[in-house]
Amino acid sequence: MHHHGYLWIGPKGRFDNEALRRPPHPEPPAGSRTELIQRYREVAAELPTVDLPPLETAYWLIKPRSLVRSTWDEAKEAAVWLGERLAEYAPRFASEAERDTTHLTLLVNSAAERLREGGDVSHGFYLERPSYLSLAVVTCSPNRSMPELACPVG
């Protein structure tokens, strides 16, 4: 078991494009409108390639290998990375309560425990301007929630 870290920061409007962040519904039935079939195919093709954070954390594993920020064998190391990113971006958090160091410490400690148990961790924060920060650490080999997804590294 190992863990991959992901970070995405970008305009809130782009983040809000949920169609590109979710797995497509089952293929439309034969005879469906051409526009519906075309939109389904676009979304199905873009989910694995677009850099946007997926709605379900495990789907980071189908994204390009280049989006993996780092890989760790130990949950504690992955949680340290998460803590470093939180400390780096906290001054830009739109919510003052989310900047609180006690709150951030609790997030890191909770992440370390969840990762040790084989789970995934995902956090998102609104930043000024309005931007959005997504941080995720995904457990791999296998992923507990979606064991059928292959590891992007190796």
Foldseek 3Di string as FASTA:
>chain_A
DKKFKAKDKDAPVVLPPQLLQEAADPQDDPPDDPVSNVSSVVSNVRNQEDNHHHPDNQSVQSHAPVRGPDMGRALLVVLVVVLVVCQVCLVFFPDPVSSDPVNSVVLSVVSSVQVVVQAKDWDKTFGPPTMIMIMIMAGPPNRPVCRVRHGNDD
